[in-house]
Amino acid sequence: MELSQGVDNLDINYSAIEVLPPYDESESEWLKTDASNIAKIALKDNRVRQLIQEGGTIMGVTYSCHPTPENYDGPGCAPALRIQSGNKIVDFLVDEEKEVVVETVTEINQNTSTV
């Protein structure tokens, strides 16, 4: 399923964007709206659009958490649009009420195989 074609025109099949396991959208307390709304909010952010334009693929929506320092005033966890690009996976954490991306979490997978 190719969700990232035509990003310039936002020609994205939002209904095909799913909640990623292990979460169940029908039982989630963390998701106030739905996966397509999280994607629409995230795609307003230039960083998201750029990552997709550079070949990133939308994986889906998840509940993403990141470590926070003691006096941190931002969200530690939030619904997020997950995008894979090369060896990295980036979660764009969304505030559904403010309709903005509030944080990003990047996981870089190292290819440790030898030839």
PDB file of N, CA and C in Angstrom:
ATOM      1  N   MET A   1       0.855  -1.172   0.000  1.00  0.00           N
ATOM      2  CA  MET A   1       0.000   0.000   0.000  1.00  0.00           C
ATOM      3  C   MET A   1       0.896   1.229   0.000  1.00  0.00           C
ATOM      4  N   GLU A   2       0.757   2.051  -0.973  1.00  0.00           N
ATOM      5  CA  GLU A   2       1.582   3.256  -1.101  1.00  0.00           C
ATOM      6  C   GLU A   2       0.769   4.454  -0.641  1.00  0.00           C
ATOM      7  N   LEU A   3       1.117   4.979   0.520  1.00  0.00           N
ATOM      8  CA  LEU A   3       0.367   6.084   1.102  1.00  0.00           C
ATOM      9  C   LEU A   3       1.034   7.420   0.871  1.00  0.00           C
ATOM     10  N   SER A   4       2.261   7.402   0.390  1.00  0.00           N
ATOM     11  CA  SER A   4       3.018   8.644   0.376  1.00  0.00           C
ATOM     12  C   SER A   4       3.151   9.284  -1.002  1.00  0.00           C
ATOM     13  N   GLN A   5       2.395   8.853  -1.972  1.00  0.00           N
ATOM     14  CA  GLN A   5       2.463   9.500  -3.274  1.00  0.00           C
ATOM     15  C   GLN A   5       1.645  10.777  -3.253  1.00  0.00           C
ATOM     16  N   GLY A   6       2.098  11.774  -3.970  1.00  0.00           N
ATOM     17  CA  GLY A   6       1.339  13.010  -4.119  1.00  0.00           C
ATOM     18  C   GLY A   6       1.235  13.843  -2.863  1.00  0.00           C
ATOM     19  N   VAL A   7       2.273  13.877  -2.058  1.00  0.00           N
ATOM     20  CA  VAL A   7       2.228  14.641  -0.818  1.00  0.00           C
ATOM     21  C   VAL A   7       2.075  16.129  -1.089  1.00  0.00           C
ATOM     22  N   ASP A   8       2.641  16.605  -2.196  1.00  0.00           N
ATOM     23  CA  ASP A   8       2.505  18.028  -2.516  1.00  0.00           C
ATOM     24  C   ASP A   8       1.042  18.438  -2.551  1.00  0.00           C
ATOM     25  N   ASN A   9       0.195  17.562  -3.022  1.00  0.00           N
ATOM     26  CA  ASN A   9      -1.233  17.846  -3.117  1.00  0.00           C
ATOM     27  C   ASN A   9      -2.021  17.173  -1.998  1.00  0.00           C
ATOM     28  N   LEU A  10      -1.322  16.594  -1.037  1.00  0.00           N
ATOM     29  CA  LEU A  10      -1.950  15.838   0.048  1.00  0.00           C
ATOM     30  C   LEU A  10      -2.896  14.776  -0.491  1.00  0.00           C
ATOM     31  N   ASP A  11      -2.467  14.100  -1.541  1.00  0.00           N
ATOM     32  CA  ASP A  11      -3.238  13.020  -2.139  1.00  0.00           C
ATOM     33  C   ASP A  11      -2.905  11.723  -1.409  1.00  0.00           C
ATOM     34  N   ILE A  12      -3.326  11.657  -0.161  1.00  0.00           N
ATOM     35  CA  ILE A  12      -3.014  10.515   0.687  1.00  0.00           C
ATOM     36  C   ILE A  12      -4.315   9.828   1.063  1.00  0.00           C
ATOM     37  N   ASN A  13      -4.308   8.513   1.021  1.00  0.00           N
ATOM     38  CA  ASN A  13      -5.481   7.737   1.398  1.00  0.00           C
ATOM     39  C   ASN A  13      -5.502   7.621   2.926  1.00  0.00           C
ATOM     40  N   TYR A  14      -6.077   8.606   3.563  1.00  0.00           N
ATOM     41  CA  TYR A  14      -6.081   8.653   5.030  1.00  0.00           C
ATOM     42  C   TYR A  14      -6.817   7.469   5.644  1.00  0.00           C
ATOM     43  N   SER A  15      -7.829   6.957   4.963  1.00  0.00           N
ATOM     44  CA  SER A  15      -8.593   5.839   5.523  1.00  0.00           C
ATOM     45  C   SER A  15      -7.768   4.555   5.568  1.00  0.00           C
ATOM     46  N   ALA A  16      -6.660   4.499   4.818  1.00  0.00           N
ATOM     47  CA  ALA A  16      -5.802   3.317   4.825  1.00  0.00           C
ATOM     48  C   ALA A  16      -4.771   3.353   5.950  1.00  0.00           C
ATOM     49  N   ILE A  17      -4.677   4.461   6.659  1.00  0.00           N
ATOM     50  CA  ILE A  17      -3.710   4.580   7.751  1.00  0.00           C
ATOM     51  C   ILE A  17      -4.296   3.917   8.988  1.00  0.00           C
ATOM     52  N   GLU A  18      -3.568   2.939   9.505  1.00  0.00           N
ATOM     53  CA  GLU A  18      -4.084   2.120  10.600  1.00  0.00           C
ATOM     54  C   GLU A  18      -3.372   2.413  11.912  1.00  0.00           C
ATOM     55  N   VAL A  19      -4.037   2.008  12.995  1.00  0.00           N
ATOM     56  CA  VAL A  19      -3.411   2.023  14.311  1.00  0.00           C
ATOM     57  C   VAL A  19      -2.514   0.794  14.371  1.00  0.00           C
ATOM     58  N   LEU A  20      -1.249   1.005  14.699  1.00  0.00           N
ATOM     59  CA  LEU A  20      -0.279  -0.086  14.717  1.00  0.00           C
ATOM     60  C   LEU A  20      -0.419  -0.931  15.977  1.00  0.00           C
ATOM     61  N   PRO A  21      -0.140  -2.231  15.868  1.00  0.00           N
ATOM     62  CA  PRO A  21      -0.141  -3.093  17.057  1.00  0.00           C
ATOM     63  C   PRO A  21       0.903  -2.584  18.037  1.00  0.00           C
ATOM     64  N   PRO A  22       0.779  -2.795  19.301  1.00  0.00           N
ATOM     65  CA  PRO A  22      -0.201  -3.657  19.961  1.00  0.00           C
ATOM     66  C   PRO A  22      -1.489  -2.943  20.327  1.00  0.00           C
ATOM     67  N   TYR A  23      -1.732  -1.766  19.791  1.00  0.00           N
ATOM     68  CA  TYR A  23      -2.882  -0.969  20.197  1.00  0.00           C
ATOM     69  C   TYR A  23      -4.097  -1.296  19.357  1.00  0.00           C
ATOM     70  N   ASP A  24      -5.267  -1.232  19.981  1.00  0.00           N
ATOM     71  CA  ASP A  24      -6.537  -1.487  19.313  1.00  0.00           C
ATOM     72  C   ASP A  24      -7.329  -0.198  19.346  1.00  0.00           C
ATOM     73  N   GLU A  25      -7.598   0.364  18.180  1.00  0.00           N
ATOM     74  CA  GLU A  25      -8.267   1.658  18.091  1.00  0.00           C
ATOM     75  C   GLU A  25      -9.619   1.655  18.805  1.00  0.00           C
ATOM     76  N   SER A  26     -10.325   0.531  18.788  1.00  0.00           N
ATOM     77  CA  SER A  26     -11.656   0.489  19.394  1.00  0.00           C
ATOM     78  C   SER A  26     -11.597   0.539  20.915  1.00  0.00           C
ATOM     79  N   GLU A  27     -10.432   0.235  21.497  1.00  0.00           N
ATOM     80  CA  GLU A  27     -10.304   0.219  22.955  1.00  0.00           C
ATOM     81  C   GLU A  27      -9.323   1.267  23.472  1.00  0.00           C
ATOM     82  N   SER A  28      -8.885   2.159  22.608  1.00  0.00           N
ATOM     83  CA  SER A  28      -7.830   3.081  23.026  1.00  0.00           C
ATOM     84  C   SER A  28      -8.386   4.294  23.757  1.00  0.00           C
ATOM     85  N   GLU A  29      -7.783   4.584  24.886  1.00  0.00           N
ATOM     86  CA  GLU A  29      -8.101   5.810  25.614  1.00  0.00           C
ATOM     87  C   GLU A  29      -7.147   6.920  25.198  1.00  0.00           C
ATOM     88  N   TRP A  30      -6.043   6.565  24.573  1.00  0.00           N
ATOM     89  CA  TRP A  30      -5.023   7.534  24.196  1.00  0.00           C
ATOM     90  C   TRP A  30      -5.340   8.243  22.891  1.00  0.00           C
ATOM     91  N   LEU A  31      -6.284   7.719  22.126  1.00  0.00           N
ATOM     92  CA  LEU A  31      -6.619   8.287  20.825  1.00  0.00           C
ATOM     93  C   LEU A  31      -7.998   8.919  20.906  1.00  0.00           C
ATOM     94  N   LYS A  32      -8.043  10.257  20.891  1.00  0.00           N
ATOM     95  CA  LYS A  32      -9.315  10.962  21.059  1.00  0.00           C
ATOM     96  C   LYS A  32     -10.143  10.970  19.786  1.00  0.00           C
ATOM     97  N   THR A  33      -9.491  10.944  18.625  1.00  0.00           N
ATOM     98  CA  THR A  33     -10.226  10.970  17.357  1.00  0.00           C
ATOM     99  C   THR A  33      -9.998   9.648  16.631  1.00  0.00           C
ATOM    100  N   ASP A  34      -9.221   9.664  15.558  1.00  0.00           N
ATOM    101  CA  ASP A  34      -8.898   8.434  14.844  1.00  0.00           C
ATOM    102  C   ASP A  34      -7.558   8.584  14.127  1.00  0.00           C
ATOM    103  N   ALA A  35      -7.082   7.477  13.564  1.00  0.00           N
ATOM    104  CA  ALA A  35      -5.760   7.470  12.930  1.00  0.00           C
ATOM    105  C   ALA A  35      -5.670   8.465  11.778  1.00  0.00           C
ATOM    106  N   SER A  36      -6.723   8.581  10.989  1.00  0.00           N
ATOM    107  CA  SER A  36      -6.660   9.500   9.847  1.00  0.00           C
ATOM    108  C   SER A  36      -6.534  10.946  10.308  1.00  0.00           C
ATOM    109  N   ASN A  37      -7.156  11.291  11.422  1.00  0.00           N
ATOM    110  CA  ASN A  37      -7.036  12.656  11.938  1.00  0.00           C
ATOM    111  C   ASN A  37      -5.618  12.940  12.430  1.00  0.00           C
ATOM    112  N   ILE A  38      -4.996  11.958  13.090  1.00  0.00           N
ATOM    113  CA  ILE A  38      -3.605  12.119  13.534  1.00  0.00           C
ATOM    114  C   ILE A  38      -2.715  12.376  12.320  1.00  0.00           C
ATOM    115  N   ALA A  39      -2.925  11.623  11.243  1.00  0.00           N
ATOM    116  CA  ALA A  39      -2.127  11.804  10.027  1.00  0.00           C
ATOM    117  C   ALA A  39      -2.354  13.182   9.421  1.00  0.00           C
ATOM    118  N   LYS A  40      -3.585  13.632   9.367  1.00  0.00           N
ATOM    119  CA  LYS A  40      -3.888  14.950   8.793  1.00  0.00           C
ATOM    120  C   LYS A  40      -3.207  16.063   9.585  1.00  0.00           C
ATOM    121  N   ILE A  41      -3.239  15.940  10.915  1.00  0.00           N
ATOM    122  CA  ILE A  41      -2.580  16.944  11.758  1.00  0.00           C
ATOM    123  C   ILE A  41      -1.071  16.915  11.513  1.00  0.00           C
ATOM    124  N   ALA A  42      -0.482  15.715  11.535  1.00  0.00           N
ATOM    125  CA  ALA A  42       0.968  15.592  11.362  1.00  0.00           C
ATOM    126  C   ALA A  42       1.418  16.118  10.005  1.00  0.00           C
ATOM    127  N   LEU A  43       0.624  15.874   8.973  1.00  0.00           N
ATOM    128  CA  LEU A  43       1.024  16.281   7.624  1.00  0.00           C
ATOM    129  C   LEU A  43       0.954  17.785   7.395  1.00  0.00           C
ATOM    130  N   LYS A  44       0.468  18.528   8.366  1.00  0.00           N
ATOM    131  CA  LYS A  44       0.538  19.990   8.293  1.00  0.00           C
ATOM    132  C   LYS A  44       1.958  20.470   8.606  1.00  0.00           C
ATOM    133  N   ASP A  45       2.745  19.606   9.257  1.00  0.00           N
ATOM    134  CA  ASP A  45       4.097  19.939   9.688  1.00  0.00           C
ATOM    135  C   ASP A  45       5.075  19.744   8.528  1.00  0.00           C
ATOM    136  N   ASN A  46       5.889  20.758   8.267  1.00  0.00           N
ATOM    137  CA  ASN A  46       6.844  20.689   7.152  1.00  0.00           C
ATOM    138  C   ASN A  46       7.845  19.552   7.287  1.00  0.00           C
ATOM    139  N   ARG A  47       8.217  19.189   8.519  1.00  0.00           N
ATOM    140  CA  ARG A  47       9.178  18.096   8.716  1.00  0.00           C
ATOM    141  C   ARG A  47       8.602  16.769   8.246  1.00  0.00           C
ATOM    142  N   VAL A  48       7.313  16.573   8.497  1.00  0.00           N
ATOM    143  CA  VAL A  48       6.638  15.348   8.064  1.00  0.00           C
ATOM    144  C   VAL A  48       6.584  15.311   6.544  1.00  0.00           C
ATOM    145  N   ARG A  49       6.157  16.403   5.962  1.00  0.00           N
ATOM    146  CA  ARG A  49       6.033  16.481   4.505  1.00  0.00           C
ATOM    147  C   ARG A  49       7.391  16.255   3.827  1.00  0.00           C
ATOM    148  N   GLN A  50       8.442  16.853   4.381  1.00  0.00           N
ATOM    149  CA  GLN A  50       9.776  16.697   3.807  1.00  0.00           C
ATOM    150  C   GLN A  50      10.233  15.247   3.872  1.00  0.00           C
ATOM    151  N   LEU A  51      10.021  14.592   5.001  1.00  0.00           N
ATOM    152  CA  LEU A  51      10.444  13.204   5.157  1.00  0.00           C
ATOM    153  C   LEU A  51       9.743  12.307   4.137  1.00  0.00           C
ATOM    154  N   ILE A  52       8.473  12.551   3.898  1.00  0.00           N
ATOM    155  CA  ILE A  52       7.737  11.760   2.910  1.00  0.00           C
ATOM    156  C   ILE A  52       8.218  12.086   1.497  1.00  0.00           C
ATOM    157  N   GLN A  53       8.451  13.348   1.224  1.00  0.00           N
ATOM    158  CA  GLN A  53       8.947  13.737  -0.103  1.00  0.00           C
ATOM    159  C   GLN A  53      10.312  13.120  -0.395  1.00  0.00           C
ATOM    160  N   GLU A  54      11.079  12.855   0.655  1.00  0.00           N
ATOM    161  CA  GLU A  54      12.404  12.246   0.497  1.00  0.00           C
ATOM    162  C   GLU A  54      12.335  10.724   0.451  1.00  0.00           C
ATOM    163  N   GLY A  55      11.136  10.167   0.367  1.00  0.00           N
ATOM    164  CA  GLY A  55      10.983   8.723   0.223  1.00  0.00           C
ATOM    165  C   GLY A  55      10.476   8.001   1.446  1.00  0.00           C
ATOM    166  N   GLY A  56      10.147   8.718   2.503  1.00  0.00           N
ATOM    167  CA  GLY A  56       9.613   8.086   3.698  1.00  0.00           C
ATOM    168  C   GLY A  56       8.248   7.472   3.443  1.00  0.00           C
ATOM    169  N   THR A  57       7.939   6.420   4.192  1.00  0.00           N
ATOM    170  CA  THR A  57       6.675   5.709   4.049  1.00  0.00           C
ATOM    171  C   THR A  57       5.906   5.763   5.361  1.00  0.00           C
ATOM    172  N   ILE A  58       4.645   6.112   5.278  1.00  0.00           N
ATOM    173  CA  ILE A  58       3.793   6.124   6.464  1.00  0.00           C
ATOM    174  C   ILE A  58       3.537   4.688   6.892  1.00  0.00           C
ATOM    175  N   MET A  59       3.889   4.381   8.145  1.00  0.00           N
ATOM    176  CA  MET A  59       3.666   3.044   8.680  1.00  0.00           C
ATOM    177  C   MET A  59       2.308   2.948   9.363  1.00  0.00           C
ATOM    178  N   GLY A  60       1.889   4.030  10.015  1.00  0.00           N
ATOM    179  CA  GLY A  60       0.620   4.038  10.725  1.00  0.00           C
ATOM    180  C   GLY A  60       0.676   4.982  11.909  1.00  0.00           C
ATOM    181  N   VAL A  61      -0.277   4.805  12.818  1.00  0.00           N
ATOM    182  CA  VAL A  61      -0.376   5.633  14.018  1.00  0.00           C
ATOM    183  C   VAL A  61      -0.140   4.749  15.231  1.00  0.00           C
ATOM    184  N   THR A  62       0.610   5.265  16.187  1.00  0.00           N
ATOM    185  CA  THR A  62       0.917   4.520  17.397  1.00  0.00           C
ATOM    186  C   THR A  62       0.885   5.461  18.594  1.00  0.00           C
ATOM    187  N   TYR A  63       1.002   4.893  19.782  1.00  0.00           N
ATOM    188  CA  TYR A  63       1.140   5.675  21.005  1.00  0.00           C
ATOM    189  C   TYR A  63       2.620   5.692  21.320  1.00  0.00           C
ATOM    190  N   SER A  64       3.255   6.839  21.177  1.00  0.00           N
ATOM    191  CA  SER A  64       4.703   6.941  21.291  1.00  0.00           C
ATOM    192  C   SER A  64       5.097   7.655  22.579  1.00  0.00           C
ATOM    193  N   CYS A  65       6.106   7.103  23.256  1.00  0.00           N
ATOM    194  CA  CYS A  65       6.621   7.697  24.493  1.00  0.00           C
ATOM    195  C   CYS A  65       8.132   7.894  24.364  1.00  0.00           C
ATOM    196  N   HIS A  66       8.642   8.880  25.079  1.00  0.00           N
ATOM    197  CA  HIS A  66      10.076   9.130  25.085  1.00  0.00           C
ATOM    198  C   HIS A  66      10.500   9.526  26.488  1.00  0.00           C
ATOM    199  N   PRO A  67      11.769   9.294  26.832  1.00  0.00           N
ATOM    200  CA  PRO A  67      12.248   9.681  28.157  1.00  0.00           C
ATOM    201  C   PRO A  67      12.184  11.195  28.332  1.00  0.00           C
ATOM    202  N   THR A  68      11.858  11.611  29.530  1.00  0.00           N
ATOM    203  CA  THR A  68      11.775  13.046  29.808  1.00  0.00           C
ATOM    204  C   THR A  68      12.535  13.378  31.089  1.00  0.00           C
ATOM    205  N   PRO A  69      13.211  14.528  31.127  1.00  0.00           N
ATOM    206  CA  PRO A  69      13.872  14.957  32.360  1.00  0.00           C
ATOM    207  C   PRO A  69      12.841  15.328  33.428  1.00  0.00           C
ATOM    208  N   GLU A  70      13.291  15.462  34.644  1.00  0.00           N
ATOM    209  CA  GLU A  70      12.396  15.680  35.786  1.00  0.00           C
ATOM    210  C   GLU A  70      11.476  16.888  35.623  1.00  0.00           C
ATOM    211  N   ASN A  71      11.969  18.007  35.187  1.00  0.00           N
ATOM    212  CA  ASN A  71      11.143  19.216  35.084  1.00  0.00           C
ATOM    213  C   ASN A  71      10.644  19.483  33.669  1.00  0.00           C
ATOM    214  N   TYR A  72      10.535  18.445  32.862  1.00  0.00           N
ATOM    215  CA  TYR A  72      10.093  18.566  31.471  1.00  0.00           C
ATOM    216  C   TYR A  72       8.626  18.970  31.435  1.00  0.00           C
ATOM    217  N   ASP A  73       8.286  19.975  30.619  1.00  0.00           N
ATOM    218  CA  ASP A  73       6.900  20.448  30.599  1.00  0.00           C
ATOM    219  C   ASP A  73       6.128  19.997  29.358  1.00  0.00           C
ATOM    220  N   GLY A  74       6.755  19.238  28.469  1.00  0.00           N
ATOM    221  CA  GLY A  74       6.065  18.739  27.280  1.00  0.00           C
ATOM    222  C   GLY A  74       5.480  17.361  27.528  1.00  0.00           C
ATOM    223  N   PRO A  75       4.798  16.821  26.517  1.00  0.00           N
ATOM    224  CA  PRO A  75       4.207  15.493  26.682  1.00  0.00           C
ATOM    225  C   PRO A  75       5.274  14.404  26.623  1.00  0.00           C
ATOM    226  N   GLY A  76       5.168  13.436  27.496  1.00  0.00           N
ATOM    227  CA  GLY A  76       6.064  12.284  27.456  1.00  0.00           C
ATOM    228  C   GLY A  76       5.545  11.222  26.516  1.00  0.00           C
ATOM    229  N   CYS A  77       4.226  11.181  26.340  1.00  0.00           N
ATOM    230  CA  CYS A  77       3.577  10.212  25.459  1.00  0.00           C
ATOM    231  C   CYS A  77       2.432  10.897  24.726  1.00  0.00           C
ATOM    232  N   ALA A  78       2.180  10.468  23.500  1.00  0.00           N
ATOM    233  CA  ALA A  78       1.084  11.036  22.713  1.00  0.00           C
ATOM    234  C   ALA A  78       0.843  10.163  21.488  1.00  0.00           C
ATOM    235  N   PRO A  79      -0.336  10.292  20.864  1.00  0.00           N
ATOM    236  CA  PRO A  79      -0.546   9.618  19.580  1.00  0.00           C
ATOM    237  C   PRO A  79       0.456  10.176  18.576  1.00  0.00           C
ATOM    238  N   ALA A  80       0.940   9.322  17.678  1.00  0.00           N
ATOM    239  CA  ALA A  80       1.981   9.765  16.744  1.00  0.00           C
ATOM    240  C   ALA A  80       1.823   9.108  15.384  1.00  0.00           C
ATOM    241  N   LEU A  81       2.168   9.871  14.356  1.00  0.00           N
ATOM    242  CA  LEU A  81       2.273   9.318  13.012  1.00  0.00           C
ATOM    243  C   LEU A  81       3.680   8.757  12.881  1.00  0.00           C
ATOM    244  N   ARG A  82       3.777   7.467  12.535  1.00  0.00           N
ATOM    245  CA  ARG A  82       5.081   6.810  12.410  1.00  0.00           C
ATOM    246  C   ARG A  82       5.453   6.717  10.931  1.00  0.00           C
ATOM    247  N   ILE A  83       6.668   7.188  10.616  1.00  0.00           N
ATOM    248  CA  ILE A  83       7.166   7.175   9.243  1.00  0.00           C
ATOM    249  C   ILE A  83       8.521   6.483   9.220  1.00  0.00           C
ATOM    250  N   GLN A  84       8.699   5.577   8.257  1.00  0.00           N
ATOM    251  CA  GLN A  84       9.993   4.918   8.075  1.00  0.00           C
ATOM    252  C   GLN A  84      10.687   5.529   6.873  1.00  0.00           C
ATOM    253  N   SER A  85      11.964   5.837   7.054  1.00  0.00           N
ATOM    254  CA  SER A  85      12.773   6.393   5.971  1.00  0.00           C
ATOM    255  C   SER A  85      14.174   5.808   6.085  1.00  0.00           C
ATOM    256  N   GLY A  86      14.515   4.921   5.180  1.00  0.00           N
ATOM    257  CA  GLY A  86      15.826   4.279   5.244  1.00  0.00           C
ATOM    258  C   GLY A  86      15.967   3.480   6.520  1.00  0.00           C
ATOM    259  N   ASN A  87      17.035   3.757   7.278  1.00  0.00           N
ATOM    260  CA  ASN A  87      17.283   3.010   8.510  1.00  0.00           C
ATOM    261  C   ASN A  87      16.696   3.687   9.748  1.00  0.00           C
ATOM    262  N   LYS A  88      15.841   4.682   9.553  1.00  0.00           N
ATOM    263  CA  LYS A  88      15.270   5.345  10.729  1.00  0.00           C
ATOM    264  C   LYS A  88      13.745   5.312  10.698  1.00  0.00           C
ATOM    265  N   ILE A  89      13.199   5.296  11.895  1.00  0.00           N
ATOM    266  CA  ILE A  89      11.754   5.386  12.093  1.00  0.00           C
ATOM    267  C   ILE A  89      11.515   6.624  12.940  1.00  0.00           C
ATOM    268  N   VAL A  90      10.643   7.501  12.463  1.00  0.00           N
ATOM    269  CA  VAL A  90      10.376   8.749  13.173  1.00  0.00           C
ATOM    270  C   VAL A  90       8.910   8.787  13.573  1.00  0.00           C
ATOM    271  N   ASP A  91       8.668   9.016  14.864  1.00  0.00           N
ATOM    272  CA  ASP A  91       7.317   9.228  15.380  1.00  0.00           C
ATOM    273  C   ASP A  91       7.118  10.725  15.554  1.00  0.00           C
ATOM    274  N   PHE A  92       6.048  11.238  14.953  1.00  0.00           N
ATOM    275  CA  PHE A  92       5.687  12.645  15.105  1.00  0.00           C
ATOM    276  C   PHE A  92       4.510  12.701  16.069  1.00  0.00           C
ATOM    277  N   LEU A  93       4.792  13.067  17.339  1.00  0.00           N
ATOM    278  CA  LEU A  93       3.777  13.094  18.383  1.00  0.00           C
ATOM    279  C   LEU A  93       2.865  14.292  18.190  1.00  0.00           C
ATOM    280  N   VAL A  94       1.560  14.040  18.279  1.00  0.00           N
ATOM    281  CA  VAL A  94       0.548  15.035  17.949  1.00  0.00           C
ATOM    282  C   VAL A  94      -0.286  15.398  19.170  1.00  0.00           C
ATOM    283  N   ASP A  95      -0.556  16.686  19.333  1.00  0.00           N
ATOM    284  CA  ASP A  95      -1.546  17.164  20.297  1.00  0.00           C
ATOM    285  C   ASP A  95      -2.841  17.328  19.515  1.00  0.00           C
ATOM    286  N   GLU A  96      -3.801  16.435  19.771  1.00  0.00           N
ATOM    287  CA  GLU A  96      -5.047  16.438  18.998  1.00  0.00           C
ATOM    288  C   GLU A  96      -5.876  17.699  19.225  1.00  0.00           C
ATOM    289  N   GLU A  97      -5.849  18.237  20.432  1.00  0.00           N
ATOM    290  CA  GLU A  97      -6.650  19.429  20.720  1.00  0.00           C
ATOM    291  C   GLU A  97      -6.068  20.674  20.055  1.00  0.00           C
ATOM    292  N   LYS A  98      -4.740  20.827  20.106  1.00  0.00           N
ATOM    293  CA  LYS A  98      -4.092  21.995  19.495  1.00  0.00           C
ATOM    294  C   LYS A  98      -3.830  21.793  18.001  1.00  0.00           C
ATOM    295  N   GLU A  99      -3.958  20.548  17.546  1.00  0.00           N
ATOM    296  CA  GLU A  99      -3.741  20.170  16.144  1.00  0.00           C
ATOM    297  C   GLU A  99      -2.351  20.543  15.636  1.00  0.00           C
ATOM    298  N   VAL A 100      -1.323  20.159  16.431  1.00  0.00           N
ATOM    299  CA  VAL A 100       0.069  20.407  16.049  1.00  0.00           C
ATOM    300  C   VAL A 100       0.946  19.219  16.439  1.00  0.00           C
ATOM    301  N   VAL A 101       2.090  19.106  15.763  1.00  0.00           N
ATOM    302  CA  VAL A 101       3.121  18.158  16.169  1.00  0.00           C
ATOM    303  C   VAL A 101       3.866  18.797  17.332  1.00  0.00           C
ATOM    304  N   VAL A 102       3.957  18.075  18.460  1.00  0.00           N
ATOM    305  CA  VAL A 102       4.575  18.641  19.656  1.00  0.00           C
ATOM    306  C   VAL A 102       5.962  18.076  19.954  1.00  0.00           C
ATOM    307  N   GLU A 103       6.267  16.906  19.440  1.00  0.00           N
ATOM    308  CA  GLU A 103       7.563  16.265  19.686  1.00  0.00           C
ATOM    309  C   GLU A 103       7.860  15.311  18.534  1.00  0.00           C
ATOM    310  N   THR A 104       9.124  14.931  18.416  1.00  0.00           N
ATOM    311  CA  THR A 104       9.500  13.849  17.509  1.00  0.00           C
ATOM    312  C   THR A 104      10.376  12.867  18.272  1.00  0.00           C
ATOM    313  N   VAL A 105      10.248  11.596  17.923  1.00  0.00           N
ATOM    314  CA  VAL A 105      11.082  10.546  18.489  1.00  0.00           C
ATOM    315  C   VAL A 105      11.656   9.775  17.306  1.00  0.00           C
ATOM    316  N   THR A 106      12.982   9.652  17.250  1.00  0.00           N
ATOM    317  CA  THR A 106      13.633   8.968  16.134  1.00  0.00           C
ATOM    318  C   THR A 106      14.363   7.735  16.631  1.00  0.00           C
ATOM    319  N   GLU A 107      14.114   6.617  15.959  1.00  0.00           N
ATOM    320  CA  GLU A 107      14.817   5.366  16.240  1.00  0.00           C
ATOM    321  C   GLU A 107      15.667   5.055  15.016  1.00  0.00           C
ATOM    322  N   ILE A 108      16.952   4.832  15.222  1.00  0.00           N
ATOM    323  CA  ILE A 108      17.844   4.510  14.111  1.00  0.00           C
ATOM    324  C   ILE A 108      18.268   3.059  14.250  1.00  0.00           C
ATOM    325  N   ASN A 109      17.978   2.285  13.214  1.00  0.00           N
ATOM    326  CA  ASN A 109      18.353   0.873  13.196  1.00  0.00           C
ATOM    327  C   ASN A 109      19.709   0.734  12.530  1.00  0.00           C
ATOM    328  N   GLN A 110      20.648   0.167  13.257  1.00  0.00           N
ATOM    329  CA  GLN A 110      21.984  -0.058  12.711  1.00  0.00           C
ATOM    330  C   GLN A 110      22.001  -1.409  12.016  1.00  0.00           C
ATOM    331  N   ASN A 111      22.494  -1.439  10.800  1.00  0.00           N
ATOM    332  CA  ASN A 111      22.643  -2.695  10.079  1.00  0.00           C
ATOM    333  C   ASN A 111      23.947  -3.326  10.538  1.00  0.00           C
ATOM    334  N   THR A 112      23.843  -4.395  11.322  1.00  0.00           N
ATOM    335  CA  THR A 112      25.038  -5.002  11.903  1.00  0.00           C
ATOM    336  C   THR A 112      25.488  -6.243  11.147  1.00  0.00           C
ATOM    337  N   SER A 113      24.863  -6.546  10.028  1.00  0.00           N
ATOM    338  CA  SER A 113      25.263  -7.738   9.281  1.00  0.00           C
ATOM    339  C   SER A 113      26.619  -7.507   8.611  1.00  0.00           C
ATOM    340  N   THR A 114      27.377  -8.584   8.453  1.00  0.00           N
ATOM    341  CA  THR A 114      28.680  -8.495   7.801  1.00  0.00           C
ATOM    342  C   THR A 114      28.641  -9.291   6.510  1.00  0.00           C
ATOM    343  N   VAL A 115      29.502  -8.916   5.593  1.00  0.00           N
ATOM    344  CA  VAL A 115      29.535  -9.584   4.286  1.00  0.00           C
ATOM    345  C   VAL A 115      30.597 -10.640   4.277  1.00  0.00           C
TER     346      VAL A 115
END
